[in-house]
Amino acid sequence: MKIKIIEKTHELDLQDALNDFIESQHPNIQSLHYQVAMTSHNGELEYSFSCLIVYLS
């Protein structure tokens, strides 16, 4: 069993990265865990979109 963590600052970038990983590696995915984090820096909101993929190689 292996894990892969992908993190991006925009949800569409995360979507593209996930699709690229799936198309190139053809993993046997056991589960996906999606998370959004939001922070404030100098009065501006910053987002972090991430996905933990648990898969069999």
PDB file of N, CA and C in Angstrom:
ATOM      1  N   MET A   1       0.841  -1.161   0.000  1.00  0.00           N
ATOM      2  CA  MET A   1       0.000   0.000   0.000  1.00  0.00           C
ATOM      3  C   MET A   1       0.896   1.236   0.000  1.00  0.00           C
ATOM      4  N   LYS A   2       0.492   2.245  -0.762  1.00  0.00           N
ATOM      5  CA  LYS A   2       1.244   3.490  -0.850  1.00  0.00           C
ATOM      6  C   LYS A   2       0.289   4.663  -0.675  1.00  0.00           C
ATOM      7  N   ILE A   3       0.883   5.840  -0.421  1.00  0.00           N
ATOM      8  CA  ILE A   3       0.084   7.062  -0.366  1.00  0.00           C
ATOM      9  C   ILE A   3       0.715   8.105  -1.279  1.00  0.00           C
ATOM     10  N   LYS A   4      -0.113   9.012  -1.744  1.00  0.00           N
ATOM     11  CA  LYS A   4       0.325  10.153  -2.538  1.00  0.00           C
ATOM     12  C   LYS A   4      -0.440  11.362  -2.029  1.00  0.00           C
ATOM     13  N   ILE A   5       0.267  12.446  -1.757  1.00  0.00           N
ATOM     14  CA  ILE A   5      -0.370  13.689  -1.335  1.00  0.00           C
ATOM     15  C   ILE A   5      -0.124  14.723  -2.417  1.00  0.00           C
ATOM     16  N   ILE A   6      -1.200  15.340  -2.862  1.00  0.00           N
ATOM     17  CA  ILE A   6      -1.112  16.397  -3.866  1.00  0.00           C
ATOM     18  C   ILE A   6      -1.745  17.638  -3.258  1.00  0.00           C
ATOM     19  N   GLU A   7      -1.035  18.786  -3.350  1.00  0.00           N
ATOM     20  CA  GLU A   7      -1.532  20.043  -2.782  1.00  0.00           C
ATOM     21  C   GLU A   7      -1.384  21.136  -3.821  1.00  0.00           C
ATOM     22  N   LYS A   8      -2.428  21.935  -3.957  1.00  0.00           N
ATOM     23  CA  LYS A   8      -2.432  23.065  -4.892  1.00  0.00           C
ATOM     24  C   LYS A   8      -3.160  24.236  -4.252  1.00  0.00           C
ATOM     25  N   THR A   9      -2.939  25.425  -4.804  1.00  0.00           N
ATOM     26  CA  THR A   9      -3.600  26.616  -4.263  1.00  0.00           C
ATOM     27  C   THR A   9      -4.906  26.936  -4.980  1.00  0.00           C
ATOM     28  N   HIS A  10      -5.244  26.181  -6.004  1.00  0.00           N
ATOM     29  CA  HIS A  10      -6.504  26.377  -6.717  1.00  0.00           C
ATOM     30  C   HIS A  10      -7.133  25.020  -6.974  1.00  0.00           C
ATOM     31  N   GLU A  11      -8.442  24.925  -6.794  1.00  0.00           N
ATOM     32  CA  GLU A  11      -9.110  23.625  -6.911  1.00  0.00           C
ATOM     33  C   GLU A  11      -9.003  23.021  -8.303  1.00  0.00           C
ATOM     34  N   LEU A  12      -8.986  23.830  -9.353  1.00  0.00           N
ATOM     35  CA  LEU A  12      -8.864  23.282 -10.706  1.00  0.00           C
ATOM     36  C   LEU A  12      -7.459  22.742 -10.971  1.00  0.00           C
ATOM     37  N   ASP A  13      -6.439  23.350 -10.344  1.00  0.00           N
ATOM     38  CA  ASP A  13      -5.080  22.819 -10.449  1.00  0.00           C
ATOM     39  C   ASP A  13      -4.983  21.459  -9.760  1.00  0.00           C
ATOM     40  N   LEU A  14      -5.670  21.317  -8.626  1.00  0.00           N
ATOM     41  CA  LEU A  14      -5.688  20.028  -7.937  1.00  0.00           C
ATOM     42  C   LEU A  14      -6.384  18.985  -8.800  1.00  0.00           C
ATOM     43  N   GLN A  15      -7.478  19.368  -9.401  1.00  0.00           N
ATOM     44  CA  GLN A  15      -8.206  18.451 -10.282  1.00  0.00           C
ATOM     45  C   GLN A  15      -7.306  17.976 -11.424  1.00  0.00           C
ATOM     46  N   ASP A  16      -6.583  18.881 -12.052  1.00  0.00           N
ATOM     47  CA  ASP A  16      -5.677  18.512 -13.141  1.00  0.00           C
ATOM     48  C   ASP A  16      -4.562  17.594 -12.653  1.00  0.00           C
ATOM     49  N   ALA A  17      -3.991  17.904 -11.494  1.00  0.00           N
ATOM     50  CA  ALA A  17      -2.913  17.073 -10.948  1.00  0.00           C
ATOM     51  C   ALA A  17      -3.409  15.672 -10.599  1.00  0.00           C
ATOM     52  N   LEU A  18      -4.611  15.573 -10.053  1.00  0.00           N
ATOM     53  CA  LEU A  18      -5.177  14.259  -9.738  1.00  0.00           C
ATOM     54  C   LEU A  18      -5.413  13.457 -11.009  1.00  0.00           C
ATOM     55  N   ASN A  19      -5.990  14.104 -12.017  1.00  0.00           N
ATOM     56  CA  ASN A  19      -6.230  13.405 -13.288  1.00  0.00           C
ATOM     57  C   ASN A  19      -4.921  12.964 -13.928  1.00  0.00           C
ATOM     58  N   ASP A  20      -3.882  13.807 -13.885  1.00  0.00           N
ATOM     59  CA  ASP A  20      -2.581  13.432 -14.433  1.00  0.00           C
ATOM     60  C   ASP A  20      -1.998  12.229 -13.704  1.00  0.00           C
ATOM     61  N   PHE A  21      -2.092  12.222 -12.368  1.00  0.00           N
ATOM     62  CA  PHE A  21      -1.577  11.096 -11.585  1.00  0.00           C
ATOM     63  C   PHE A  21      -2.316   9.805 -11.939  1.00  0.00           C
ATOM     64  N   ILE A  22      -3.625   9.872 -12.011  1.00  0.00           N
ATOM     65  CA  ILE A  22      -4.429   8.684 -12.311  1.00  0.00           C
ATOM     66  C   ILE A  22      -4.138   8.166 -13.720  1.00  0.00           C
ATOM     67  N   GLU A  23      -4.055   9.075 -14.697  1.00  0.00           N
ATOM     68  CA  GLU A  23      -3.797   8.658 -16.072  1.00  0.00           C
ATOM     69  C   GLU A  23      -2.394   8.086 -16.256  1.00  0.00           C
ATOM     70  N   SER A  24      -1.401   8.637 -15.569  1.00  0.00           N
ATOM     71  CA  SER A  24      -0.023   8.181 -15.770  1.00  0.00           C
ATOM     72  C   SER A  24       0.333   6.947 -14.946  1.00  0.00           C
ATOM     73  N   GLN A  25      -0.234   6.814 -13.736  1.00  0.00           N
ATOM     74  CA  GLN A  25       0.154   5.732 -12.839  1.00  0.00           C
ATOM     75  C   GLN A  25      -0.843   4.566 -12.809  1.00  0.00           C
ATOM     76  N   HIS A  26      -2.066   4.805 -13.222  1.00  0.00           N
ATOM     77  CA  HIS A  26      -3.126   3.786 -13.166  1.00  0.00           C
ATOM     78  C   HIS A  26      -3.176   3.089 -11.806  1.00  0.00           C
ATOM     79  N   PRO A  27      -3.266   3.855 -10.724  1.00  0.00           N
ATOM     80  CA  PRO A  27      -3.241   3.249  -9.381  1.00  0.00           C
ATOM     81  C   PRO A  27      -4.550   2.527  -9.063  1.00  0.00           C
ATOM     82  N   ASN A  28      -4.437   1.533  -8.218  1.00  0.00           N
ATOM     83  CA  ASN A  28      -5.608   0.831  -7.701  1.00  0.00           C
ATOM     84  C   ASN A  28      -6.013   1.583  -6.425  1.00  0.00           C
ATOM     85  N   ILE A  29      -6.842   2.603  -6.584  1.00  0.00           N
ATOM     86  CA  ILE A  29      -7.173   3.516  -5.489  1.00  0.00           C
ATOM     87  C   ILE A  29      -8.071   2.843  -4.464  1.00  0.00           C
ATOM     88  N   GLN A  30      -7.645   2.935  -3.208  1.00  0.00           N
ATOM     89  CA  GLN A  30      -8.417   2.394  -2.092  1.00  0.00           C
ATOM     90  C   GLN A  30      -9.287   3.472  -1.464  1.00  0.00           C
ATOM     91  N   SER A  31      -8.739   4.707  -1.377  1.00  0.00           N
ATOM     92  CA  SER A  31      -9.522   5.814  -0.826  1.00  0.00           C
ATOM     93  C   SER A  31      -8.884   7.142  -1.205  1.00  0.00           C
ATOM     94  N   LEU A  32      -9.729   8.171  -1.207  1.00  0.00           N
ATOM     95  CA  LEU A  32      -9.307   9.543  -1.443  1.00  0.00           C
ATOM     96  C   LEU A  32      -9.795  10.391  -0.274  1.00  0.00           C
ATOM     97  N   HIS A  33      -8.946  11.271   0.219  1.00  0.00           N
ATOM     98  CA  HIS A  33      -9.316  12.169   1.315  1.00  0.00           C
ATOM     99  C   HIS A  33      -9.001  13.584   0.861  1.00  0.00           C
ATOM    100  N   TYR A  34     -10.025  14.411   0.749  1.00  0.00           N
ATOM    101  CA  TYR A  34      -9.913  15.759   0.228  1.00  0.00           C
ATOM    102  C   TYR A  34     -10.015  16.750   1.374  1.00  0.00           C
ATOM    103  N   GLN A  35      -9.202  17.815   1.313  1.00  0.00           N
ATOM    104  CA  GLN A  35      -9.209  18.808   2.389  1.00  0.00           C
ATOM    105  C   GLN A  35      -8.964  20.206   1.834  1.00  0.00           C
ATOM    106  N   VAL A  36      -9.602  21.178   2.451  1.00  0.00           N
ATOM    107  CA  VAL A  36      -9.386  22.585   2.113  1.00  0.00           C
ATOM    108  C   VAL A  36      -8.964  23.314   3.384  1.00  0.00           C
ATOM    109  N   ALA A  37      -7.879  24.079   3.282  1.00  0.00           N
ATOM    110  CA  ALA A  37      -7.424  24.908   4.399  1.00  0.00           C
ATOM    111  C   ALA A  37      -7.430  26.360   3.938  1.00  0.00           C
ATOM    112  N   MET A  38      -7.770  27.238   4.866  1.00  0.00           N
ATOM    113  CA  MET A  38      -7.822  28.659   4.551  1.00  0.00           C
ATOM    114  C   MET A  38      -7.062  29.419   5.630  1.00  0.00           C
ATOM    115  N   THR A  39      -6.178  30.311   5.197  1.00  0.00           N
ATOM    116  CA  THR A  39      -5.438  31.155   6.128  1.00  0.00           C
ATOM    117  C   THR A  39      -5.522  32.601   5.666  1.00  0.00           C
ATOM    118  N   SER A  40      -5.213  33.491   6.566  1.00  0.00           N
ATOM    119  CA  SER A  40      -5.188  34.911   6.234  1.00  0.00           C
ATOM    120  C   SER A  40      -3.760  35.407   6.361  1.00  0.00           C
ATOM    121  N   HIS A  41      -3.284  36.064   5.309  1.00  0.00           N
ATOM    122  CA  HIS A  41      -1.927  36.597   5.296  1.00  0.00           C
ATOM    123  C   HIS A  41      -1.980  38.033   4.801  1.00  0.00           C
ATOM    124  N   ASN A  42      -1.606  38.967   5.650  1.00  0.00           N
ATOM    125  CA  ASN A  42      -1.660  40.400   5.313  1.00  0.00           C
ATOM    126  C   ASN A  42      -3.055  40.822   4.848  1.00  0.00           C
ATOM    127  N   GLY A  43      -4.077  40.281   5.477  1.00  0.00           N
ATOM    128  CA  GLY A  43      -5.443  40.650   5.158  1.00  0.00           C
ATOM    129  C   GLY A  43      -6.024  39.955   3.942  1.00  0.00           C
ATOM    130  N   GLU A  44      -5.260  39.074   3.293  1.00  0.00           N
ATOM    131  CA  GLU A  44      -5.754  38.342   2.127  1.00  0.00           C
ATOM    132  C   GLU A  44      -5.920  36.869   2.480  1.00  0.00           C
ATOM    133  N   LEU A  45      -7.002  36.280   2.001  1.00  0.00           N
ATOM    134  CA  LEU A  45      -7.241  34.855   2.233  1.00  0.00           C
ATOM    135  C   LEU A  45      -6.393  34.028   1.277  1.00  0.00           C
ATOM    136  N   GLU A  46      -5.799  32.972   1.801  1.00  0.00           N
ATOM    137  CA  GLU A  46      -5.035  32.027   0.998  1.00  0.00           C
ATOM    138  C   GLU A  46      -5.623  30.643   1.212  1.00  0.00           C
ATOM    139  N   TYR A  47      -5.800  29.921   0.129  1.00  0.00           N
ATOM    140  CA  TYR A  47      -6.401  28.595   0.181  1.00  0.00           C
ATOM    141  C   TYR A  47      -5.365  27.531  -0.146  1.00  0.00           C
ATOM    142  N   SER A  48      -5.567  26.355   0.418  1.00  0.00           N
ATOM    143  CA  SER A  48      -4.765  25.182   0.110  1.00  0.00           C
ATOM    144  C   SER A  48      -5.725  24.012  -0.085  1.00  0.00           C
ATOM    145  N   PHE A  49      -5.725  23.458  -1.283  1.00  0.00           N
ATOM    146  CA  PHE A  49      -6.570  22.312  -1.613  1.00  0.00           C
ATOM    147  C   PHE A  49      -5.660  21.095  -1.707  1.00  0.00           C
ATOM    148  N   SER A  50      -5.991  20.045  -0.968  1.00  0.00           N
ATOM    149  CA  SER A  50      -5.128  18.869  -0.982  1.00  0.00           C
ATOM    150  C   SER A  50      -5.942  17.583  -1.033  1.00  0.00           C
ATOM    151  N   CYS A  51      -5.251  16.545  -1.484  1.00  0.00           N
ATOM    152  CA  CYS A  51      -5.875  15.231  -1.576  1.00  0.00           C
ATOM    153  C   CYS A  51      -4.843  14.178  -1.179  1.00  0.00           C
ATOM    154  N   LEU A  52      -5.246  13.306  -0.284  1.00  0.00           N
ATOM    155  CA  LEU A  52      -4.441  12.152   0.105  1.00  0.00           C
ATOM    156  C   LEU A  52      -5.038  10.947  -0.624  1.00  0.00           C
ATOM    157  N   ILE A  53      -4.203  10.276  -1.399  1.00  0.00           N
ATOM    158  CA  ILE A  53      -4.642   9.099  -2.154  1.00  0.00           C
ATOM    159  C   ILE A  53      -3.985   7.870  -1.546  1.00  0.00           C
ATOM    160  N   VAL A  54      -4.768   6.914  -1.152  1.00  0.00           N
ATOM    161  CA  VAL A  54      -4.269   5.625  -0.661  1.00  0.00           C
ATOM    162  C   VAL A  54      -4.505   4.625  -1.789  1.00  0.00           C
ATOM    163  N   TYR A  55      -3.420   3.967  -2.221  1.00  0.00           N
ATOM    164  CA  TYR A  55      -3.548   3.071  -3.365  1.00  0.00           C
ATOM    165  C   TYR A  55      -2.610   1.875  -3.255  1.00  0.00           C
ATOM    166  N   LEU A  56      -2.895   0.879  -4.060  1.00  0.00           N
ATOM    167  CA  LEU A  56      -2.048  -0.297  -4.167  1.00  0.00           C
ATOM    168  C   LEU A  56      -1.205  -0.136  -5.425  1.00  0.00           C
ATOM    169  N   SER A  57       0.074  -0.498  -5.339  1.00  0.00           N
ATOM    170  CA  SER A  57       0.947  -0.348  -6.508  1.00  0.00           C
ATOM    171  C   SER A  57       0.927  -1.589  -7.369  1.00  0.00           C
TER     172      SER A  57
END
